[in-house]
């Protein structure tokens, strides 16, 4: 008897080469391309790398992409300092 799971699979998003290249030329980051094509960022990065390599053989270059910088909402240093203070107080107390 086969093991059946009830989790939902995400449907595969298909994007034509023309739509993908239009998104590449109108974007600066992989995240922007992904939002325009509906694909995941990891899939977009892999497709960009494959496309870039294939076009390089023809003497064509794609524009360089940047990774979107994560926005930090918490000061990590202050958070770590608070943990150290708490641990010291617990160890001395």
PDB file of N, CA and C in Angstrom:
ATOM      1  N   UNK A   1       0.847  -1.187   0.000  1.00  0.00           N
ATOM      2  CA  UNK A   1       0.000   0.000   0.000  1.00  0.00           C
ATOM      3  C   UNK A   1       0.889   1.247   0.000  1.00  0.00           C
ATOM      4  N   UNK A   2       0.608   2.199  -0.861  1.00  0.00           N
ATOM      5  CA  UNK A   2       1.423   3.398  -0.993  1.00  0.00           C
ATOM      6  C   UNK A   2       1.151   4.365   0.149  1.00  0.00           C
ATOM      7  N   UNK A   3       2.206   5.037   0.557  1.00  0.00           N
ATOM      8  CA  UNK A   3       2.080   6.047   1.611  1.00  0.00           C
ATOM      9  C   UNK A   3       1.617   7.347   0.958  1.00  0.00           C
ATOM     10  N   UNK A   4       0.465   7.816   1.371  1.00  0.00           N
ATOM     11  CA  UNK A   4      -0.107   9.012   0.774  1.00  0.00           C
ATOM     12  C   UNK A   4      -0.032  10.143   1.790  1.00  0.00           C
ATOM     13  N   UNK A   5       0.519  11.249   1.375  1.00  0.00           N
ATOM     14  CA  UNK A   5       0.561  12.417   2.252  1.00  0.00           C
ATOM     15  C   UNK A   5      -0.475  13.415   1.772  1.00  0.00           C
ATOM     16  N   UNK A   6      -0.972  14.196   2.694  1.00  0.00           N
ATOM     17  CA  UNK A   6      -2.031  15.145   2.352  1.00  0.00           C
ATOM     18  C   UNK A   6      -1.520  16.572   2.248  1.00  0.00           C
ATOM     19  N   UNK A   7      -0.195  16.741   2.234  1.00  0.00           N
ATOM     20  CA  UNK A   7       0.326  18.095   2.111  1.00  0.00           C
ATOM     21  C   UNK A   7       0.127  18.595   0.690  1.00  0.00           C
ATOM     22  N   UNK A   8      -0.102  19.882   0.571  1.00  0.00           N
ATOM     23  CA  UNK A   8      -0.311  20.478  -0.741  1.00  0.00           C
ATOM     24  C   UNK A   8       1.022  20.699  -1.426  1.00  0.00           C
ATOM     25  N   UNK A   9       1.076  20.403  -2.699  1.00  0.00           N
ATOM     26  CA  UNK A   9       2.258  20.709  -3.487  1.00  0.00           C
ATOM     27  C   UNK A   9       2.034  22.046  -4.164  1.00  0.00           C
ATOM     28  N   UNK A  10       3.110  22.815  -4.250  1.00  0.00           N
ATOM     29  CA  UNK A  10       2.979  24.064  -4.984  1.00  0.00           C
ATOM     30  C   UNK A  10       3.035  23.735  -6.465  1.00  0.00           C
ATOM     31  N   UNK A  11       2.160  24.356  -7.239  1.00  0.00           N
ATOM     32  CA  UNK A  11       2.171  24.083  -8.662  1.00  0.00           C
ATOM     33  C   UNK A  11       3.394  24.729  -9.289  1.00  0.00           C
ATOM     34  N   UNK A  12       3.892  24.087 -10.312  1.00  0.00           N
ATOM     35  CA  UNK A  12       5.077  24.581 -10.987  1.00  0.00           C
ATOM     36  C   UNK A  12       4.700  25.780 -11.841  1.00  0.00           C
ATOM     37  N   UNK A  13       5.457  26.829 -11.701  1.00  0.00           N
ATOM     38  CA  UNK A  13       5.198  28.043 -12.469  1.00  0.00           C
ATOM     39  C   UNK A  13       6.080  28.017 -13.708  1.00  0.00           C
ATOM     40  N   UNK A  14       5.458  28.113 -14.856  1.00  0.00           N
ATOM     41  CA  UNK A  14       6.211  28.113 -16.106  1.00  0.00           C
ATOM     42  C   UNK A  14       6.306  29.541 -16.628  1.00  0.00           C
ATOM     43  N   UNK A  15       7.465  29.845 -17.179  1.00  0.00           N
ATOM     44  CA  UNK A  15       7.711  31.187 -17.675  1.00  0.00           C
ATOM     45  C   UNK A  15       8.500  31.043 -18.978  1.00  0.00           C
ATOM     46  N   UNK A  16       8.061  31.708 -20.018  1.00  0.00           N
ATOM     47  CA  UNK A  16       8.754  31.612 -21.302  1.00  0.00           C
ATOM     48  C   UNK A  16      10.128  32.262 -21.209  1.00  0.00           C
ATOM     49  N   UNK A  17      11.006  31.867 -22.129  1.00  0.00           N
ATOM     50  CA  UNK A  17      12.349  32.461 -22.169  1.00  0.00           C
ATOM     51  C   UNK A  17      12.267  33.961 -22.402  1.00  0.00           C
ATOM     52  N   UNK A  18      11.354  34.372 -23.257  1.00  0.00           N
ATOM     53  CA  UNK A  18      11.208  35.798 -23.548  1.00  0.00           C
ATOM     54  C   UNK A  18      10.777  36.574 -22.306  1.00  0.00           C
ATOM     55  N   UNK A  19       9.789  36.053 -21.571  1.00  0.00           N
ATOM     56  CA  UNK A  19       9.330  36.726 -20.355  1.00  0.00           C
ATOM     57  C   UNK A  19      10.434  36.746 -19.302  1.00  0.00           C
ATOM     58  N   UNK A  20      11.196  35.651 -19.213  1.00  0.00           N
ATOM     59  CA  UNK A  20      12.291  35.591 -18.247  1.00  0.00           C
ATOM     60  C   UNK A  20      13.349  36.645 -18.578  1.00  0.00           C
ATOM     61  N   UNK A  21      13.739  36.718 -19.847  1.00  0.00           N
ATOM     62  CA  UNK A  21      14.775  37.688 -20.236  1.00  0.00           C
ATOM     63  C   UNK A  21      14.293  39.124 -20.086  1.00  0.00           C
ATOM     64  N   UNK A  22      13.020  39.379 -20.349  1.00  0.00           N
ATOM     65  CA  UNK A  22      12.476  40.721 -20.122  1.00  0.00           C
ATOM     66  C   UNK A  22      12.556  41.082 -18.645  1.00  0.00           C
ATOM     67  N   UNK A  23      12.262  40.108 -17.779  1.00  0.00           N
ATOM     68  CA  UNK A  23      12.347  40.344 -16.337  1.00  0.00           C
ATOM     69  C   UNK A  23      13.792  40.597 -15.917  1.00  0.00           C
ATOM     70  N   UNK A  24      14.734  39.862 -16.529  1.00  0.00           N
ATOM     71  CA  UNK A  24      16.156  40.046 -16.204  1.00  0.00           C
ATOM     72  C   UNK A  24      16.597  41.461 -16.557  1.00  0.00           C
ATOM     73  N   UNK A  25      16.234  41.917 -17.749  1.00  0.00           N
ATOM     74  CA  UNK A  25      16.687  43.235 -18.192  1.00  0.00           C
ATOM     75  C   UNK A  25      15.973  44.384 -17.498  1.00  0.00           C
ATOM     76  N   UNK A  26      14.873  44.121 -16.822  1.00  0.00           N
ATOM     77  CA  UNK A  26      14.168  45.199 -16.127  1.00  0.00           C
ATOM     78  C   UNK A  26      14.308  45.082 -14.602  1.00  0.00           C
ATOM     79  N   UNK A  27      15.287  44.279 -14.143  1.00  0.00           N
ATOM     80  CA  UNK A  27      15.465  44.054 -12.707  1.00  0.00           C
ATOM     81  C   UNK A  27      16.916  44.221 -12.301  1.00  0.00           C
ATOM     82  N   UNK A  28      17.110  44.441 -10.999  1.00  0.00           N
ATOM     83  CA  UNK A  28      18.466  44.536 -10.457  1.00  0.00           C
ATOM     84  C   UNK A  28      18.790  43.377  -9.523  1.00  0.00           C
ATOM     85  N   UNK A  29      17.762  42.718  -8.993  1.00  0.00           N
ATOM     86  CA  UNK A  29      17.984  41.614  -8.059  1.00  0.00           C
ATOM     87  C   UNK A  29      17.231  40.371  -8.511  1.00  0.00           C
ATOM     88  N   UNK A  30      17.678  39.215  -7.994  1.00  0.00           N
ATOM     89  CA  UNK A  30      16.991  37.961  -8.292  1.00  0.00           C
ATOM     90  C   UNK A  30      15.557  37.997  -7.758  1.00  0.00           C
ATOM     91  N   UNK A  31      15.363  38.645  -6.622  1.00  0.00           N
ATOM     92  CA  UNK A  31      14.024  38.720  -6.027  1.00  0.00           C
ATOM     93  C   UNK A  31      13.061  39.475  -6.942  1.00  0.00           C
ATOM     94  N   UNK A  32      13.547  40.514  -7.601  1.00  0.00           N
ATOM     95  CA  UNK A  32      12.697  41.264  -8.533  1.00  0.00           C
ATOM     96  C   UNK A  32      12.302  40.383  -9.718  1.00  0.00           C
ATOM     97  N   UNK A  33      13.273  39.617 -10.248  1.00  0.00           N
ATOM     98  CA  UNK A  33      12.974  38.715 -11.359  1.00  0.00           C
ATOM     99  C   UNK A  33      11.927  37.705 -10.922  1.00  0.00           C
ATOM    100  N   UNK A  34      12.131  37.116  -9.742  1.00  0.00           N
ATOM    101  CA  UNK A  34      11.207  36.100  -9.232  1.00  0.00           C
ATOM    102  C   UNK A  34       9.805  36.663  -9.075  1.00  0.00           C
ATOM    103  N   UNK A  35       9.693  37.898  -8.597  1.00  0.00           N
ATOM    104  CA  UNK A  35       8.360  38.484  -8.419  1.00  0.00           C
ATOM    105  C   UNK A  35       7.680  38.724  -9.766  1.00  0.00           C
ATOM    106  N   UNK A  36       8.454  39.029 -10.789  1.00  0.00           N
ATOM    107  CA  UNK A  36       7.881  39.291 -12.108  1.00  0.00           C
ATOM    108  C   UNK A  36       7.510  38.005 -12.847  1.00  0.00           C
ATOM    109  N   UNK A  37       8.257  36.925 -12.586  1.00  0.00           N
ATOM    110  CA  UNK A  37       7.989  35.669 -13.297  1.00  0.00           C
ATOM    111  C   UNK A  37       7.112  34.726 -12.496  1.00  0.00           C
ATOM    112  N   UNK A  38       6.996  34.960 -11.184  1.00  0.00           N
ATOM    113  CA  UNK A  38       6.197  34.085 -10.336  1.00  0.00           C
ATOM    114  C   UNK A  38       6.941  32.851  -9.870  1.00  0.00           C
ATOM    115  N   UNK A  39       8.225  32.767 -10.188  1.00  0.00           N
ATOM    116  CA  UNK A  39       9.026  31.617  -9.784  1.00  0.00           C
ATOM    117  C   UNK A  39       9.687  31.874  -8.438  1.00  0.00           C
ATOM    118  N   UNK A  40      10.206  30.805  -7.834  1.00  0.00           N
ATOM    119  CA  UNK A  40      10.920  30.940  -6.569  1.00  0.00           C
ATOM    120  C   UNK A  40      12.288  31.572  -6.833  1.00  0.00           C
ATOM    121  N   UNK A  41      12.844  32.205  -5.814  1.00  0.00           N
ATOM    122  CA  UNK A  41      14.140  32.869  -5.975  1.00  0.00           C
ATOM    123  C   UNK A  41      15.221  31.850  -6.318  1.00  0.00           C
ATOM    124  N   UNK A  42      15.223  30.701  -5.672  1.00  0.00           N
ATOM    125  CA  UNK A  42      16.250  29.688  -5.949  1.00  0.00           C
ATOM    126  C   UNK A  42      16.150  29.202  -7.398  1.00  0.00           C
ATOM    127  N   UNK A  43      14.946  29.000  -7.880  1.00  0.00           N
ATOM    128  CA  UNK A  43      14.755  28.586  -9.282  1.00  0.00           C
ATOM    129  C   UNK A  43      15.215  29.683 -10.230  1.00  0.00           C
ATOM    130  N   UNK A  44      14.936  30.913  -9.867  1.00  0.00           N
ATOM    131  CA  UNK A  44      15.329  32.054 -10.694  1.00  0.00           C
ATOM    132  C   UNK A  44      16.843  32.153 -10.781  1.00  0.00           C
ATOM    133  N   UNK A  45      17.519  31.985  -9.646  1.00  0.00           N
ATOM    134  CA  UNK A  45      18.980  32.066  -9.638  1.00  0.00           C
ATOM    135  C   UNK A  45      19.590  30.954 -10.495  1.00  0.00           C
ATOM    136  N   UNK A  46      19.046  29.756 -10.392  1.00  0.00           N
ATOM    137  CA  UNK A  46      19.562  28.634 -11.175  1.00  0.00           C
ATOM    138  C   UNK A  46      19.330  28.864 -12.668  1.00  0.00           C
ATOM    139  N   UNK A  47      18.141  29.334 -13.016  1.00  0.00           N
ATOM    140  CA  UNK A  47      17.830  29.585 -14.429  1.00  0.00           C
ATOM    141  C   UNK A  47      18.698  30.700 -14.975  1.00  0.00           C
ATOM    142  N   UNK A  48      18.927  31.733 -14.180  1.00  0.00           N
ATOM    143  CA  UNK A  48      19.794  32.837 -14.601  1.00  0.00           C
ATOM    144  C   UNK A  48      21.196  32.313 -14.900  1.00  0.00           C
ATOM    145  N   UNK A  49      21.723  31.461 -14.017  1.00  0.00           N
ATOM    146  CA  UNK A  49      23.074  30.916 -14.206  1.00  0.00           C
ATOM    147  C   UNK A  49      23.146  30.061 -15.476  1.00  0.00           C
ATOM    148  N   UNK A  50      22.136  29.218 -15.694  1.00  0.00           N
ATOM    149  CA  UNK A  50      22.118  28.383 -16.905  1.00  0.00           C
ATOM    150  C   UNK A  50      22.025  29.242 -18.166  1.00  0.00           C
ATOM    151  N   UNK A  51      21.156  30.243 -18.125  1.00  0.00           N
ATOM    152  CA  UNK A  51      20.956  31.119 -19.277  1.00  0.00           C
ATOM    153  C   UNK A  51      22.211  31.928 -19.557  1.00  0.00           C
ATOM    154  N   UNK A  52      22.835  32.437 -18.516  1.00  0.00           N
ATOM    155  CA  UNK A  52      24.051  33.235 -18.671  1.00  0.00           C
ATOM    156  C   UNK A  52      25.157  32.402 -19.308  1.00  0.00           C
ATOM    157  N   UNK A  53      25.321  31.157 -18.848  1.00  0.00           N
ATOM    158  CA  UNK A  53      26.355  30.275 -19.396  1.00  0.00           C
ATOM    159  C   UNK A  53      26.075  29.959 -20.868  1.00  0.00           C
ATOM    160  N   UNK A  54      24.813  29.697 -21.203  1.00  0.00           N
ATOM    161  CA  UNK A  54      24.457  29.370 -22.580  1.00  0.00           C
ATOM    162  C   UNK A  54      24.686  30.561 -23.508  1.00  0.00           C
ATOM    163  N   UNK A  55      24.314  31.757 -23.058  1.00  0.00           N
ATOM    164  CA  UNK A  55      24.475  32.946 -23.893  1.00  0.00           C
ATOM    165  C   UNK A  55      25.937  33.365 -24.007  1.00  0.00           C
ATOM    166  N   UNK A  56      26.741  33.056 -22.982  1.00  0.00           N
ATOM    167  CA  UNK A  56      28.168  33.383 -23.024  1.00  0.00           C
ATOM    168  C   UNK A  56      28.848  32.634 -24.164  1.00  0.00           C
ATOM    169  N   UNK A  57      28.369  31.424 -24.449  1.00  0.00           N
ATOM    170  CA  UNK A  57      28.927  30.649 -25.566  1.00  0.00           C
ATOM    171  C   UNK A  57      28.646  31.325 -26.906  1.00  0.00           C
ATOM    172  N   UNK A  58      27.595  32.132 -26.950  1.00  0.00           N
ATOM    173  CA  UNK A  58      27.236  32.875 -28.162  1.00  0.00           C
ATOM    174  C   UNK A  58      27.838  34.283 -28.166  1.00  0.00           C
ATOM    175  N   UNK A  59      28.603  34.602 -27.124  1.00  0.00           N
ATOM    176  CA  UNK A  59      29.229  35.914 -27.037  1.00  0.00           C
ATOM    177  C   UNK A  59      28.320  37.002 -26.493  1.00  0.00           C
ATOM    178  N   UNK A  60      27.224  36.620 -25.850  1.00  0.00           N
ATOM    179  CA  UNK A  60      26.285  37.590 -25.280  1.00  0.00           C
ATOM    180  C   UNK A  60      26.364  37.555 -23.758  1.00  0.00           C
ATOM    181  N   UNK A  61      26.207  38.709 -23.141  1.00  0.00           N
ATOM    182  CA  UNK A  61      26.254  38.783 -21.679  1.00  0.00           C
ATOM    183  C   UNK A  61      24.936  39.299 -21.126  1.00  0.00           C
ATOM    184  N   UNK A  62      24.541  38.733 -19.996  1.00  0.00           N
ATOM    185  CA  UNK A  62      23.373  39.229 -19.270  1.00  0.00           C
ATOM    186  C   UNK A  62      23.834  40.273 -18.264  1.00  0.00           C
ATOM    187  N   UNK A  63      22.963  41.197 -17.879  1.00  0.00           N
ATOM    188  CA  UNK A  63      23.351  42.159 -16.839  1.00  0.00           C
ATOM    189  C   UNK A  63      23.602  41.452 -15.516  1.00  0.00           C
ATOM    190  N   UNK A  64      24.530  41.978 -14.739  1.00  0.00           N
ATOM    191  CA  UNK A  64      24.852  41.389 -13.437  1.00  0.00           C
ATOM    192  C   UNK A  64      23.696  41.609 -12.472  1.00  0.00           C
ATOM    193  N   UNK A  65      23.395  40.593 -11.697  1.00  0.00           N
ATOM    194  CA  UNK A  65      22.331  40.674 -10.703  1.00  0.00           C
ATOM    195  C   UNK A  65      22.928  40.791  -9.317  1.00  0.00           C
ATOM    196  N   UNK A  66      22.185  41.387  -8.432  1.00  0.00           N
ATOM    197  CA  UNK A  66      22.581  41.505  -7.033  1.00  0.00           C
ATOM    198  C   UNK A  66      21.607  40.701  -6.198  1.00  0.00           C
ATOM    199  N   UNK A  67      22.080  40.271  -5.048  1.00  0.00           N
ATOM    200  CA  UNK A  67      21.167  39.633  -4.106  1.00  0.00           C
ATOM    201  C   UNK A  67      20.558  40.728  -3.244  1.00  0.00           C
ATOM    202  N   UNK A  68      19.279  40.606  -2.975  1.00  0.00           N
ATOM    203  CA  UNK A  68      18.610  41.595  -2.134  1.00  0.00           C
ATOM    204  C   UNK A  68      19.203  41.523  -0.730  1.00  0.00           C
ATOM    205  N   UNK A  69      19.522  42.649  -0.175  1.00  0.00           N
ATOM    206  CA  UNK A  69      20.086  42.700   1.169  1.00  0.00           C
ATOM    207  C   UNK A  69      18.973  42.492   2.188  1.00  0.00           C
ATOM    208  N   UNK A  70      19.201  41.605   3.156  1.00  0.00           N
ATOM    209  CA  UNK A  70      18.166  41.411   4.173  1.00  0.00           C
ATOM    210  C   UNK A  70      18.032  42.661   5.037  1.00  0.00           C
ATOM    211  N   UNK A  71      16.828  42.971   5.396  1.00  0.00           N
ATOM    212  CA  UNK A  71      16.603  44.116   6.266  1.00  0.00           C
ATOM    213  C   UNK A  71      16.578  43.634   7.708  1.00  0.00           C
ATOM    214  N   UNK A  72      17.443  44.190   8.494  1.00  0.00           N
ATOM    215  CA  UNK A  72      17.519  43.802   9.897  1.00  0.00           C
ATOM    216  C   UNK A  72      16.630  44.721  10.717  1.00  0.00           C
ATOM    217  N   UNK A  73      15.776  44.116  11.495  1.00  0.00           N
ATOM    218  CA  UNK A  73      14.886  44.911  12.328  1.00  0.00           C
ATOM    219  C   UNK A  73      15.349  44.909  13.773  1.00  0.00           C
ATOM    220  N   UNK A  74      16.315  44.059  14.094  1.00  0.00           N
ATOM    221  CA  UNK A  74      16.794  43.940  15.465  1.00  0.00           C
ATOM    222  C   UNK A  74      18.303  44.150  15.477  1.00  0.00           C
ATOM    223  N   UNK A  75      18.777  44.861  16.461  1.00  0.00           N
ATOM    224  CA  UNK A  75      20.213  45.053  16.621  1.00  0.00           C
ATOM    225  C   UNK A  75      20.781  43.779  17.245  1.00  0.00           C
ATOM    226  N   UNK A  76      21.476  42.980  16.444  1.00  0.00           N
ATOM    227  CA  UNK A  76      21.985  41.695  16.919  1.00  0.00           C
ATOM    228  C   UNK A  76      22.999  41.842  18.041  1.00  0.00           C
ATOM    229  N   UNK A  77      23.844  42.833  17.992  1.00  0.00           N
ATOM    230  CA  UNK A  77      24.875  43.023  19.007  1.00  0.00           C
ATOM    231  C   UNK A  77      24.227  43.292  20.361  1.00  0.00           C
ATOM    232  N   UNK A  78      23.239  44.167  20.379  1.00  0.00           N
ATOM    233  CA  UNK A  78      22.565  44.478  21.642  1.00  0.00           C
ATOM    234  C   UNK A  78      21.822  43.259  22.167  1.00  0.00           C
ATOM    235  N   UNK A  79      21.217  42.486  21.290  1.00  0.00           N
ATOM    236  CA  UNK A  79      20.510  41.274  21.712  1.00  0.00           C
ATOM    237  C   UNK A  79      21.495  40.269  22.314  1.00  0.00           C
ATOM    238  N   UNK A  80      22.655  40.106  21.683  1.00  0.00           N
ATOM    239  CA  UNK A  80      23.668  39.175  22.227  1.00  0.00           C
ATOM    240  C   UNK A  80      24.197  39.679  23.560  1.00  0.00           C
ATOM    241  N   UNK A  81      24.402  40.995  23.675  1.00  0.00           N
ATOM    242  CA  UNK A  81      24.886  41.556  24.927  1.00  0.00           C
ATOM    243  C   UNK A  81      23.892  41.290  26.052  1.00  0.00           C
ATOM    244  N   UNK A  82      22.610  41.396  25.773  1.00  0.00           N
ATOM    245  CA  UNK A  82      21.577  41.124  26.782  1.00  0.00           C
ATOM    246  C   UNK A  82      21.606  39.665  27.212  1.00  0.00           C
ATOM    247  N   UNK A  83      21.829  38.747  26.283  1.00  0.00           N
ATOM    248  CA  UNK A  83      21.926  37.320  26.620  1.00  0.00           C
ATOM    249  C   UNK A  83      23.123  37.078  27.529  1.00  0.00           C
ATOM    250  N   UNK A  84      24.258  37.706  27.198  1.00  0.00           N
ATOM    251  CA  UNK A  84      25.459  37.541  28.027  1.00  0.00           C
ATOM    252  C   UNK A  84      25.215  38.091  29.431  1.00  0.00           C
ATOM    253  N   UNK A  85      24.584  39.249  29.539  1.00  0.00           N
ATOM    254  CA  UNK A  85      24.287  39.823  30.853  1.00  0.00           C
ATOM    255  C   UNK A  85      23.396  38.885  31.663  1.00  0.00           C
ATOM    256  N   UNK A  86      22.385  38.336  31.017  1.00  0.00           N
ATOM    257  CA  UNK A  86      21.473  37.408  31.691  1.00  0.00           C
ATOM    258  C   UNK A  86      22.196  36.157  32.144  1.00  0.00           C
ATOM    259  N   UNK A  87      23.046  35.610  31.297  1.00  0.00           N
ATOM    260  CA  UNK A  87      23.791  34.391  31.651  1.00  0.00           C
ATOM    261  C   UNK A  87      24.775  34.656  32.792  1.00  0.00           C
ATOM    262  N   UNK A  88      25.438  35.797  32.761  1.00  0.00           N
ATOM    263  CA  UNK A  88      26.368  36.152  33.840  1.00  0.00           C
ATOM    264  C   UNK A  88      25.616  36.289  35.161  1.00  0.00           C
ATOM    265  N   UNK A  89      24.465  36.941  35.123  1.00  0.00           N
ATOM    266  CA  UNK A  89      23.671  37.131  36.337  1.00  0.00           C
ATOM    267  C   UNK A  89      23.213  35.770  36.863  1.00  0.00           C
ATOM    268  N   UNK A  90      22.850  34.889  36.002  1.00  0.00           N
ATOM    269  CA  UNK A  90      22.394  33.559  36.409  1.00  0.00           C
ATOM    270  C   UNK A  90      23.562  32.747  36.976  1.00  0.00           C
ATOM    271  N   UNK A  91      24.732  32.854  36.357  1.00  0.00           N
ATOM    272  CA  UNK A  91      25.909  32.109  36.831  1.00  0.00           C
ATOM    273  C   UNK A  91      26.417  32.636  38.167  1.00  0.00           C
ATOM    274  N   UNK A  92      26.322  33.937  38.397  1.00  0.00           N
ATOM    275  CA  UNK A  92      26.800  34.536  39.647  1.00  0.00           C
ATOM    276  C   UNK A  92      25.764  34.485  40.741  1.00  0.00           C
ATOM    277  N   UNK A  93      24.530  34.262  40.410  1.00  0.00           N
ATOM    278  CA  UNK A  93      23.445  34.353  41.364  1.00  0.00           C
ATOM    279  C   UNK A  93      23.087  33.073  41.969  1.00  0.00           C
TER     280      UNK A  93
END
